[in-house]
Amino acid sequence: MTYWKKDSILNNYNSNTKPSEIFKEVCDLIGNYYTKKGWKYSKSRPKIIYNNSDLTIEINFWSSRSNMAGSFVHLEILPYVCSKKLKKWIKENKIGRNQFIYSPKKSSQIVNN
């Protein structure tokens, strides 16, 4: 079973297909899928965003410069969850730093022994 159209780059790629084209197609497919479920999709800096009365969920899509045509395309997600109520509480109580319930930490640096 295929989830993409017949003319999709995912059905027609070869060893010369640019990884950026595959990355963009995958992001667009994810974005289109979640748009139907009430999320917003940003194509310019690929990400999906969902808002309700308190929470904002943002999932950013990143790739890598080390992608290799014909071999692999790296797709990384960076999720953020924010609370409007937490932001207000932090401001009122002057405790805490930000409204994030979850945000990714910076990657650990590789240490050479």
N, C-alpha and C. Protein backbone atom coordinates (compact mmCIF):
# COMPACT_ATOMS: atom_id res chain seq x y z
N MET A 1 0.85 -1.18 0.00
CA MET A 1 0.00 0.00 0.00
C MET A 1 0.89 1.24 0.00
N THR A 2 0.60 2.18 -0.89
CA THR A 2 1.38 3.40 -1.00
C THR A 2 0.56 4.58 -0.52
N TYR A 3 1.22 5.48 0.20
CA TYR A 3 0.54 6.64 0.75
C TYR A 3 0.79 7.90 -0.05
N TRP A 4 1.53 7.82 -1.12
CA TRP A 4 1.80 9.01 -1.90
C TRP A 4 1.34 8.81 -3.35
N LYS A 5 1.22 9.93 -4.05
CA LYS A 5 0.71 9.93 -5.41
C LYS A 5 1.69 9.25 -6.37
N LYS A 6 1.17 8.79 -7.51
CA LYS A 6 2.02 8.11 -8.48
C LYS A 6 3.16 8.99 -8.98
N ASP A 7 2.91 10.31 -9.13
CA ASP A 7 3.95 11.20 -9.64
C ASP A 7 4.87 11.73 -8.54
N SER A 8 4.72 11.24 -7.32
CA SER A 8 5.56 11.67 -6.20
C SER A 8 7.02 11.29 -6.45
N ILE A 9 7.91 12.14 -6.01
CA ILE A 9 9.34 11.86 -6.11
C ILE A 9 9.69 10.57 -5.37
N LEU A 10 8.88 10.21 -4.39
CA LEU A 10 9.14 8.99 -3.61
C LEU A 10 8.87 7.72 -4.42
N ASN A 11 8.12 7.86 -5.50
CA ASN A 11 7.91 6.73 -6.41
C ASN A 11 8.83 6.79 -7.62
N ASN A 12 9.53 7.90 -7.80
CA ASN A 12 10.29 8.11 -9.03
C ASN A 12 11.72 8.57 -8.79
N TYR A 13 12.27 8.30 -7.65
CA TYR A 13 13.63 8.75 -7.38
C TYR A 13 14.66 7.78 -7.97
N ASN A 14 15.89 8.29 -8.13
CA ASN A 14 17.00 7.45 -8.57
C ASN A 14 18.26 7.91 -7.83
N SER A 15 19.39 7.37 -8.17
CA SER A 15 20.62 7.68 -7.44
C SER A 15 21.07 9.12 -7.63
N ASN A 16 20.48 9.84 -8.58
CA ASN A 16 20.84 11.24 -8.81
C ASN A 16 19.84 12.22 -8.20
N THR A 17 18.76 11.72 -7.63
CA THR A 17 17.75 12.60 -7.03
C THR A 17 18.36 13.34 -5.85
N LYS A 18 18.16 14.65 -5.82
CA LYS A 18 18.71 15.46 -4.74
C LYS A 18 18.03 15.09 -3.42
N PRO A 19 18.82 14.88 -2.36
CA PRO A 19 18.22 14.60 -1.06
C PRO A 19 17.25 15.69 -0.60
N SER A 20 17.53 16.94 -0.96
CA SER A 20 16.64 18.05 -0.56
C SER A 20 15.25 17.89 -1.16
N GLU A 21 15.15 17.32 -2.37
CA GLU A 21 13.84 17.09 -2.99
C GLU A 21 13.06 16.01 -2.24
N ILE A 22 13.76 14.97 -1.82
CA ILE A 22 13.11 13.89 -1.06
C ILE A 22 12.69 14.42 0.31
N PHE A 23 13.56 15.17 0.96
CA PHE A 23 13.24 15.75 2.27
C PHE A 23 12.00 16.63 2.17
N LYS A 24 11.96 17.51 1.17
CA LYS A 24 10.81 18.40 1.00
C LYS A 24 9.53 17.62 0.77
N GLU A 25 9.58 16.58 -0.05
CA GLU A 25 8.40 15.77 -0.34
C GLU A 25 7.88 15.08 0.92
N VAL A 26 8.78 14.53 1.71
CA VAL A 26 8.37 13.86 2.95
C VAL A 26 7.75 14.87 3.92
N CYS A 27 8.38 16.03 4.07
CA CYS A 27 7.82 17.07 4.95
C CYS A 27 6.44 17.50 4.48
N ASP A 28 6.28 17.68 3.17
CA ASP A 28 4.98 18.08 2.62
C ASP A 28 3.91 17.01 2.88
N LEU A 29 4.29 15.75 2.75
CA LEU A 29 3.34 14.66 3.01
C LEU A 29 2.92 14.64 4.48
N ILE A 30 3.88 14.80 5.38
CA ILE A 30 3.56 14.85 6.82
C ILE A 30 2.68 16.06 7.10
N GLY A 31 3.07 17.21 6.55
CA GLY A 31 2.29 18.44 6.74
C GLY A 31 0.87 18.32 6.23
N ASN A 32 0.70 17.75 5.05
CA ASN A 32 -0.65 17.57 4.48
C ASN A 32 -1.49 16.63 5.33
N TYR A 33 -0.88 15.56 5.83
CA TYR A 33 -1.59 14.61 6.67
C TYR A 33 -2.11 15.29 7.94
N TYR A 34 -1.24 16.04 8.61
CA TYR A 34 -1.64 16.67 9.87
C TYR A 34 -2.53 17.90 9.68
N THR A 35 -2.44 18.55 8.53
CA THR A 35 -3.34 19.68 8.23
C THR A 35 -4.79 19.21 8.26
N LYS A 36 -5.04 18.01 7.76
CA LYS A 36 -6.40 17.44 7.77
C LYS A 36 -6.89 17.16 9.18
N LYS A 37 -5.98 17.11 10.14
CA LYS A 37 -6.34 16.84 11.53
C LYS A 37 -6.34 18.11 12.39
N GLY A 38 -6.26 19.28 11.75
CA GLY A 38 -6.37 20.54 12.47
C GLY A 38 -5.05 21.24 12.77
N TRP A 39 -3.94 20.67 12.34
CA TRP A 39 -2.64 21.30 12.55
C TRP A 39 -2.40 22.32 11.44
N LYS A 40 -1.43 23.21 11.65
CA LYS A 40 -0.99 24.14 10.60
C LYS A 40 0.39 23.67 10.14
N TYR A 41 0.64 23.82 8.86
CA TYR A 41 1.92 23.40 8.29
C TYR A 41 2.63 24.58 7.66
N SER A 42 3.89 24.74 7.98
CA SER A 42 4.72 25.78 7.40
C SER A 42 5.71 25.13 6.45
N LYS A 43 5.64 25.46 5.18
CA LYS A 43 6.54 24.87 4.18
C LYS A 43 7.91 25.55 4.17
N SER A 44 7.95 26.87 4.44
CA SER A 44 9.20 27.60 4.32
C SER A 44 10.26 27.11 5.31
N ARG A 45 9.90 26.87 6.52
CA ARG A 45 10.76 26.22 7.52
C ARG A 45 9.91 25.06 8.01
N PRO A 46 10.07 23.89 7.39
CA PRO A 46 9.12 22.81 7.62
C PRO A 46 8.84 22.50 9.09
N LYS A 47 7.56 22.68 9.46
CA LYS A 47 7.11 22.36 10.81
C LYS A 47 5.60 22.27 10.81
N ILE A 48 5.09 21.54 11.80
CA ILE A 48 3.65 21.47 12.01
C ILE A 48 3.36 22.03 13.40
N ILE A 49 2.23 22.73 13.53
CA ILE A 49 1.87 23.38 14.79
C ILE A 49 0.42 23.09 15.11
N TYR A 50 0.17 22.77 16.37
CA TYR A 50 -1.19 22.56 16.86
C TYR A 50 -1.40 23.45 18.08
N ASN A 51 -2.51 24.16 18.10
CA ASN A 51 -2.88 25.02 19.22
C ASN A 51 -4.24 24.62 19.76
N ASN A 52 -4.36 24.62 21.10
CA ASN A 52 -5.69 24.56 21.72
C ASN A 52 -5.74 25.67 22.75
N SER A 53 -6.68 25.65 23.66
CA SER A 53 -6.85 26.76 24.59
C SER A 53 -5.64 26.97 25.49
N ASP A 54 -4.85 25.94 25.76
CA ASP A 54 -3.67 26.10 26.62
C ASP A 54 -2.37 25.70 25.92
N LEU A 55 -2.38 24.60 25.23
CA LEU A 55 -1.12 24.05 24.71
C LEU A 55 -0.85 24.45 23.27
N THR A 56 0.44 24.60 22.98
CA THR A 56 0.93 24.72 21.62
C THR A 56 1.95 23.61 21.44
N ILE A 57 1.74 22.81 20.41
CA ILE A 57 2.68 21.75 20.08
C ILE A 57 3.28 22.12 18.73
N GLU A 58 4.60 22.16 18.68
CA GLU A 58 5.30 22.50 17.45
C GLU A 58 6.34 21.41 17.18
N ILE A 59 6.30 20.86 15.98
CA ILE A 59 7.26 19.83 15.59
C ILE A 59 7.99 20.34 14.35
N ASN A 60 9.27 20.62 14.54
CA ASN A 60 10.12 21.13 13.46
C ASN A 60 10.82 19.97 12.77
N PHE A 61 10.99 20.08 11.46
CA PHE A 61 11.69 19.06 10.68
C PHE A 61 13.03 19.63 10.22
N TRP A 62 14.08 18.89 10.48
CA TRP A 62 15.43 19.30 10.08
C TRP A 62 16.07 18.18 9.28
N SER A 63 17.03 18.54 8.50
CA SER A 63 17.77 17.56 7.72
C SER A 63 19.26 17.75 7.98
N SER A 64 20.08 17.18 7.13
CA SER A 64 21.53 17.21 7.33
C SER A 64 22.24 17.53 6.02
N ARG A 65 23.35 18.22 6.14
CA ARG A 65 24.16 18.51 4.95
C ARG A 65 24.92 17.27 4.50
N SER A 66 24.96 16.26 5.34
CA SER A 66 25.70 15.04 4.99
C SER A 66 24.82 14.01 4.27
N ASN A 67 23.60 14.39 3.88
CA ASN A 67 22.74 13.49 3.11
C ASN A 67 23.47 13.08 1.83
N MET A 68 23.22 11.87 1.37
CA MET A 68 23.89 11.37 0.17
C MET A 68 22.86 10.87 -0.84
N ALA A 69 22.87 11.49 -2.02
CA ALA A 69 21.97 11.06 -3.09
C ALA A 69 22.19 9.58 -3.36
N GLY A 70 21.09 8.84 -3.47
CA GLY A 70 21.17 7.42 -3.73
C GLY A 70 21.45 6.57 -2.51
N SER A 71 21.70 7.20 -1.35
CA SER A 71 22.02 6.44 -0.13
C SER A 71 21.05 6.70 1.01
N PHE A 72 20.98 7.95 1.46
CA PHE A 72 20.10 8.25 2.59
C PHE A 72 19.77 9.73 2.67
N VAL A 73 18.66 10.01 3.33
CA VAL A 73 18.22 11.37 3.64
C VAL A 73 17.88 11.39 5.12
N HIS A 74 18.53 12.25 5.85
CA HIS A 74 18.33 12.36 7.29
C HIS A 74 17.11 13.25 7.57
N LEU A 75 16.19 12.78 8.40
CA LEU A 75 15.04 13.57 8.84
C LEU A 75 15.02 13.55 10.35
N GLU A 76 15.16 14.71 10.95
CA GLU A 76 15.17 14.83 12.41
C GLU A 76 13.97 15.67 12.80
N ILE A 77 13.31 15.29 13.90
CA ILE A 77 12.21 16.12 14.41
C ILE A 77 12.64 16.75 15.72
N LEU A 78 12.24 17.98 15.91
CA LEU A 78 12.48 18.70 17.16
C LEU A 78 11.14 19.17 17.70
N PRO A 79 10.61 18.46 18.69
CA PRO A 79 9.29 18.80 19.23
C PRO A 79 9.37 19.79 20.38
N TYR A 80 8.39 20.68 20.44
CA TYR A 80 8.25 21.63 21.53
C TYR A 80 6.81 21.61 22.01
N VAL A 81 6.61 21.66 23.31
CA VAL A 81 5.26 21.76 23.88
C VAL A 81 5.28 22.94 24.84
N CYS A 82 4.39 23.90 24.61
CA CYS A 82 4.31 25.11 25.42
C CYS A 82 2.93 25.21 26.07
N SER A 83 2.88 25.85 27.24
CA SER A 83 1.63 26.06 27.94
C SER A 83 1.42 27.55 28.16
N LYS A 84 0.28 28.07 27.70
CA LYS A 84 -0.06 29.48 27.92
C LYS A 84 -0.29 29.74 29.41
N LYS A 85 -0.92 28.78 30.10
CA LYS A 85 -1.17 28.93 31.54
C LYS A 85 0.14 28.95 32.31
N LEU A 86 1.09 28.11 31.93
CA LEU A 86 2.39 28.09 32.59
C LEU A 86 3.13 29.40 32.36
N LYS A 87 3.06 29.92 31.15
CA LYS A 87 3.71 31.20 30.84
C LYS A 87 3.13 32.31 31.73
N LYS A 88 1.81 32.34 31.85
CA LYS A 88 1.15 33.35 32.69
C LYS A 88 1.55 33.17 34.15
N TRP A 89 1.59 31.92 34.63
CA TRP A 89 1.95 31.64 36.02
C TRP A 89 3.39 32.08 36.30
N ILE A 90 4.29 31.81 35.38
CA ILE A 90 5.70 32.21 35.54
C ILE A 90 5.80 33.72 35.63
N LYS A 91 5.07 34.42 34.78
CA LYS A 91 5.10 35.88 34.79
C LYS A 91 4.54 36.44 36.10
N GLU A 92 3.43 35.88 36.57
CA GLU A 92 2.80 36.36 37.81
C GLU A 92 3.65 36.06 39.04
N ASN A 93 4.30 34.89 39.07
CA ASN A 93 5.06 34.47 40.25
C ASN A 93 6.56 34.71 40.15
N LYS A 94 7.01 35.15 38.99
CA LYS A 94 8.43 35.44 38.77
C LYS A 94 9.31 34.24 39.16
N ILE A 95 8.82 33.06 38.81
CA ILE A 95 9.54 31.82 39.05
C ILE A 95 9.59 31.07 37.73
N GLY A 96 10.73 30.49 37.42
CA GLY A 96 10.86 29.72 36.18
C GLY A 96 11.44 30.56 35.07
N ARG A 97 11.66 29.89 33.95
CA ARG A 97 12.34 30.55 32.84
C ARG A 97 11.47 30.73 31.61
N ASN A 98 10.69 29.70 31.26
CA ASN A 98 9.91 29.79 30.04
C ASN A 98 8.68 28.90 30.12
N GLN A 99 7.89 28.96 29.08
CA GLN A 99 6.61 28.26 29.07
C GLN A 99 6.70 26.84 28.51
N PHE A 100 7.90 26.35 28.26
CA PHE A 100 8.04 25.03 27.65
C PHE A 100 7.83 23.91 28.67
N ILE A 101 6.92 23.03 28.33
CA ILE A 101 6.74 21.81 29.10
C ILE A 101 7.76 20.80 28.61
N TYR A 102 8.01 20.84 27.31
CA TYR A 102 9.05 19.99 26.73
C TYR A 102 9.72 20.73 25.59
N SER A 103 11.05 20.67 25.55
CA SER A 103 11.82 21.15 24.41
C SER A 103 13.10 20.34 24.36
N PRO A 104 13.63 20.13 23.17
CA PRO A 104 14.83 19.31 23.06
C PRO A 104 16.03 19.99 23.70
N LYS A 105 16.90 19.17 24.24
CA LYS A 105 18.16 19.68 24.78
C LYS A 105 19.19 19.65 23.67
N LYS A 106 20.22 20.47 23.81
CA LYS A 106 21.30 20.45 22.83
C LYS A 106 21.98 19.10 22.88
N SER A 107 22.42 18.64 21.73
CA SER A 107 23.10 17.36 21.65
C SER A 107 24.38 17.39 22.47
N SER A 108 24.71 16.27 23.07
CA SER A 108 25.96 16.17 23.79
C SER A 108 27.11 16.21 22.80
N GLN A 109 28.16 16.89 23.20
CA GLN A 109 29.34 16.93 22.35
C GLN A 109 30.12 15.63 22.47
N ILE A 110 30.70 15.23 21.38
CA ILE A 110 31.51 14.01 21.39
C ILE A 110 32.83 14.33 22.08
N VAL A 111 33.18 13.50 23.02
CA VAL A 111 34.42 13.71 23.76
C VAL A 111 35.43 12.67 23.31
N ASN A 112 36.58 13.13 22.87
CA ASN A 112 37.64 12.20 22.46
C ASN A 112 38.52 11.91 23.65
N ASN A 113 38.77 10.63 23.90
CA ASN A 113 39.65 10.24 25.02
C ASN A 113 41.06 10.08 24.54
